[in-house]
């Protein structure tokens, strides 16, 4: 395991000098925030890039990679529905890839939370009963925590079998479908619950029919 520091605490100090500071402190590497070097990495000349590489080598530290990728230039956003902004961000990400490679970095951290946050309600979470079966809080408690955010639910048994299908030894306990649907309703969930088994035996139609019957019977009044 090797230890690095970011250069942000010394953002007003040329990164070439930060390498020396980090080396004196005892770090193995430095992670660079591009905005501390230039507003746009295309403004960093090939000669400056070579000087940065040499400075890191002279200091005996590695340039590990980049973080805070989209702080500058202004107007970048990774998940916006605006096609033009998304394209501008994608183009800049390509420029960052080349910049990172030129400096010898191997890691790019897609931080910059204000430029990658999700603009509601376009994207959110879905809940899968099989997956929730392995959550620390269990299925019902996980639904109570996150059901209000969920945009979709997949119904299946933690074993992968369809809802309501007979369980064999080792498949685990039967689902409390009543409690699951009740918890969903209590969170305000009013969207689709879709059957999503992984085991289609004895045949898909039977699995679908049993699942539908089981869910309908458990629907809160």
Protein backbone atom coordinates (compact mmCIF):
# COMPACT_ATOMS: atom_id res chain seq x y z
CA UNK A 1 0.00 0.00 0.00
CA UNK A 2 1.29 3.44 -0.96
CA UNK A 3 0.12 6.80 0.36
CA UNK A 4 -0.61 9.97 -1.57
CA UNK A 5 -1.96 13.44 -0.90
CA UNK A 6 -4.00 15.72 -3.10
CA UNK A 7 -2.46 19.01 -4.13
CA UNK A 8 -5.51 21.11 -3.22
CA UNK A 9 -4.23 22.28 0.19
CA UNK A 10 -1.47 24.00 -1.81
CA UNK A 11 -3.68 25.08 -4.68
CA UNK A 12 -1.92 28.44 -4.94
CA UNK A 13 1.47 26.73 -5.15
CA UNK A 14 2.74 25.42 -8.51
CA UNK A 15 2.25 21.69 -8.62
CA UNK A 16 5.96 21.23 -9.33
CA UNK A 17 6.66 22.64 -5.86
CA UNK A 18 3.88 20.56 -4.28
CA UNK A 19 5.73 17.42 -5.34
CA UNK A 20 8.73 18.57 -3.29
CA UNK A 21 6.54 19.40 -0.30
CA UNK A 22 4.80 16.02 -0.45
CA UNK A 23 8.13 14.22 -0.71
CA UNK A 24 9.53 16.06 2.34
CA UNK A 25 6.45 15.10 4.36
CA UNK A 26 6.90 11.47 3.30
CA UNK A 27 4.16 10.80 0.75
CA UNK A 28 4.67 8.37 -2.12
CA UNK A 29 2.51 10.25 -4.57
CA UNK A 30 0.39 13.31 -5.35
CA UNK A 31 -3.14 13.36 -6.77
CA UNK A 32 -3.78 16.45 -8.85
CA UNK A 33 -6.90 18.59 -9.23
CA UNK A 34 -6.68 19.92 -12.79
CA UNK A 35 -8.33 23.25 -11.96
CA UNK A 36 -5.35 24.12 -9.76
CA UNK A 37 -3.13 24.07 -12.84
CA UNK A 38 -5.34 25.64 -15.51
CA UNK A 39 -8.96 26.52 -16.13
CA UNK A 40 -8.89 24.12 -19.11
CA UNK A 41 -6.26 21.41 -19.43
CA UNK A 42 -5.88 22.11 -23.14
CA UNK A 43 -4.22 25.35 -22.01
CA UNK A 44 -1.42 23.31 -20.40
CA UNK A 45 1.27 23.13 -23.05
CA UNK A 46 3.17 20.00 -23.96
CA UNK A 47 6.29 21.61 -22.52
CA UNK A 48 4.59 22.32 -19.17
CA UNK A 49 3.30 18.76 -19.03
CA UNK A 50 6.86 17.48 -19.50
CA UNK A 51 8.09 19.81 -16.74
CA UNK A 52 5.42 18.47 -14.39
CA UNK A 53 6.49 14.89 -15.11
CA UNK A 54 10.14 15.78 -14.53
CA UNK A 55 9.34 17.61 -11.31
CA UNK A 56 7.54 14.57 -9.90
CA UNK A 57 10.44 12.32 -10.88
CA UNK A 58 12.99 14.70 -9.39
CA UNK A 59 11.03 14.79 -6.13
CA UNK A 60 10.77 11.00 -6.08
CA UNK A 61 6.98 10.92 -5.96
CA UNK A 62 4.40 9.54 -8.36
CA UNK A 63 1.67 11.59 -10.02
CA UNK A 64 -1.11 9.17 -9.13
CA UNK A 65 -3.92 10.67 -11.17
CA UNK A 66 -6.64 13.34 -11.26
CA UNK A 67 -9.66 14.26 -9.16
CA UNK A 68 -12.18 17.16 -9.04
CA UNK A 69 -12.37 16.75 -12.79
CA UNK A 70 -15.22 19.10 -13.64
CA UNK A 71 -14.73 22.11 -11.38
CA UNK A 72 -13.51 24.04 -14.40
CA UNK A 73 -14.11 25.20 -17.01
CA UNK A 74 -17.53 26.53 -15.99
CA UNK A 75 -20.69 24.99 -17.36
CA UNK A 76 -19.82 21.27 -17.16
CA UNK A 77 -22.30 18.66 -15.95
CA UNK A 78 -22.12 14.91 -16.41
CA UNK A 79 -25.78 13.91 -15.94
CA UNK A 80 -27.71 16.93 -17.18
CA UNK A 81 -30.54 16.39 -19.70
CA UNK A 82 -29.05 19.25 -21.74
CA UNK A 83 -27.42 17.57 -24.73
CA UNK A 84 -25.02 20.43 -25.42
CA UNK A 85 -23.73 20.55 -21.84
CA UNK A 86 -23.35 16.77 -21.72
CA UNK A 87 -21.38 16.80 -24.95
CA UNK A 88 -19.16 19.62 -23.70
CA UNK A 89 -18.51 17.60 -20.53
CA UNK A 90 -17.76 14.44 -22.51
CA UNK A 91 -15.34 16.35 -24.72
CA UNK A 92 -13.57 17.74 -21.67
CA UNK A 93 -13.40 14.29 -20.12
CA UNK A 94 -11.53 13.13 -23.23
CA UNK A 95 -9.11 16.04 -22.82
CA UNK A 96 -8.62 15.06 -19.18
CA UNK A 97 -7.82 11.47 -20.19
CA UNK A 98 -5.00 12.70 -22.42
CA UNK A 99 -3.80 15.10 -19.73
CA UNK A 100 -3.74 12.35 -17.10
CA UNK A 101 -1.86 10.06 -19.44
CA UNK A 102 0.67 12.73 -20.32
CA UNK A 103 1.41 13.25 -16.63
CA UNK A 104 1.75 9.51 -15.99
CA UNK A 105 -1.39 9.20 -13.89
CA UNK A 106 -3.38 5.99 -13.76
CA UNK A 107 -6.52 7.02 -11.82
CA UNK A 108 -9.28 9.51 -12.63
CA UNK A 109 -11.83 10.10 -9.88
CA UNK A 110 -15.18 11.37 -11.11
CA UNK A 111 -15.78 13.65 -8.15
CA UNK A 112 -16.98 17.25 -8.49
CA UNK A 113 -20.40 16.55 -6.91
CA UNK A 114 -22.06 19.70 -8.22
CA UNK A 115 -21.22 18.60 -11.74
CA UNK A 116 -22.47 15.03 -11.42
CA UNK A 117 -25.47 15.26 -9.09
CA UNK A 118 -28.72 13.81 -10.36
CA UNK A 119 -31.34 16.27 -11.47
CA UNK A 120 -34.68 14.86 -10.16
CA UNK A 121 -36.83 13.07 -11.19
CA UNK A 122 -34.98 11.67 -14.23
CA UNK A 123 -32.87 9.05 -12.41
CA UNK A 124 -33.29 7.39 -9.03
CA UNK A 125 -33.25 3.94 -7.47
CA UNK A 126 -35.06 0.68 -8.06
CA UNK A 127 -35.58 -2.01 -5.45
CA UNK A 128 -35.01 -5.71 -6.09
CA UNK A 129 -36.34 -8.17 -3.50
CA UNK A 130 -33.61 -10.73 -4.16
CA UNK A 131 -30.91 -8.09 -3.71
CA UNK A 132 -32.59 -6.67 -0.59
CA UNK A 133 -32.53 -10.15 0.92
CA UNK A 134 -28.80 -9.71 1.50
CA UNK A 135 -29.06 -6.19 2.92
CA UNK A 136 -28.20 -5.81 6.63
CA UNK A 137 -31.66 -4.45 7.47
CA UNK A 138 -33.54 -7.14 5.59
CA UNK A 139 -36.18 -6.72 2.91
CA UNK A 140 -38.98 -4.93 4.76
CA UNK A 141 -36.75 -2.49 6.65
CA UNK A 142 -34.84 -1.67 3.47
CA UNK A 143 -38.14 -0.90 1.76
CA UNK A 144 -39.13 1.34 4.65
CA UNK A 145 -35.87 3.24 4.27
CA UNK A 146 -35.81 3.62 0.51
CA UNK A 147 -39.30 2.89 -0.83
CA UNK A 148 -40.17 6.56 -0.97
CA UNK A 149 -37.36 7.11 -3.49
CA UNK A 150 -37.93 3.97 -5.55
CA UNK A 151 -39.12 4.34 -9.11
CA UNK A 152 -39.52 0.62 -9.79
CA UNK A 153 -39.56 -2.71 -7.94
CA UNK A 154 -38.47 -6.17 -9.09
CA UNK A 155 -40.24 -9.01 -7.32
CA UNK A 156 -38.45 -12.33 -6.86
CA UNK A 157 -37.30 -14.63 -4.07
CA UNK A 158 -33.77 -14.33 -2.62
CA UNK A 159 -33.09 -17.80 -4.01
CA UNK A 160 -33.82 -16.51 -7.51
CA UNK A 161 -37.12 -18.37 -7.75
CA UNK A 162 -40.32 -16.68 -8.73
CA UNK A 163 -42.60 -15.15 -6.13
CA UNK A 164 -44.80 -17.84 -4.58
CA UNK A 165 -42.97 -20.77 -6.18
CA UNK A 166 -42.29 -23.86 -3.99
CA UNK A 167 -38.98 -23.69 -2.17
CA UNK A 168 -36.50 -26.51 -1.82
CA UNK A 169 -34.09 -27.19 1.01
CA UNK A 170 -31.46 -24.48 1.02
CA UNK A 171 -33.65 -21.91 -0.72
CA UNK A 172 -34.28 -20.00 2.47
CA UNK A 173 -37.49 -18.82 4.11
CA UNK A 174 -40.69 -17.96 2.22
CA UNK A 175 -41.25 -14.31 1.48
CA UNK A 176 -43.70 -12.37 3.62
CA UNK A 177 -45.26 -10.87 0.53
CA UNK A 178 -48.01 -9.18 2.54
CA UNK A 179 -45.47 -7.35 4.68
CA UNK A 180 -43.41 -6.39 1.63
CA UNK A 181 -46.31 -4.86 -0.28
CA UNK A 182 -47.67 -3.20 2.87
CA UNK A 183 -44.29 -1.57 3.49
CA UNK A 184 -44.17 -0.34 -0.10
CA UNK A 185 -47.60 1.22 0.19
CA UNK A 186 -46.71 2.86 3.50
CA UNK A 187 -43.73 4.59 1.87
CA UNK A 188 -46.01 6.07 -0.77
CA UNK A 189 -44.78 3.82 -3.57
CA UNK A 190 -47.39 3.74 -6.34
CA UNK A 191 -45.41 2.62 -9.37
CA UNK A 192 -44.72 -0.72 -11.09
CA UNK A 193 -43.89 -3.96 -9.31
CA UNK A 194 -42.52 -6.27 -11.98
CA UNK A 195 -41.93 -10.02 -11.64
CA UNK A 196 -38.23 -10.68 -12.24
CA UNK A 197 -37.36 -14.32 -11.45
CA UNK A 198 -34.01 -15.89 -12.28
CA UNK A 199 -35.33 -19.44 -12.12
CA UNK A 200 -38.02 -20.17 -14.74
CA UNK A 201 -38.71 -23.77 -13.80
CA UNK A 202 -40.97 -25.59 -14.44
CA UNK A 203 -41.77 -23.11 -17.24
CA UNK A 204 -42.06 -19.32 -17.63
CA UNK A 205 -45.84 -19.25 -17.85
CA UNK A 206 -46.28 -21.17 -14.59
CA UNK A 207 -43.80 -18.96 -12.78
CA UNK A 208 -45.57 -15.85 -14.08
CA UNK A 209 -49.04 -17.14 -13.19
CA UNK A 210 -48.04 -18.14 -9.65
CA UNK A 211 -46.25 -14.85 -9.13
CA UNK A 212 -49.19 -12.77 -10.30
CA UNK A 213 -51.63 -14.74 -8.13
CA UNK A 214 -49.36 -14.38 -5.11
CA UNK A 215 -48.90 -10.64 -5.53
CA UNK A 216 -52.60 -10.01 -6.13
CA UNK A 217 -53.54 -11.99 -3.04
CA UNK A 218 -51.11 -9.96 -0.94
CA UNK A 219 -52.13 -6.52 -2.21
CA UNK A 220 -53.19 -4.28 0.68
CA UNK A 221 -56.90 -3.50 0.69
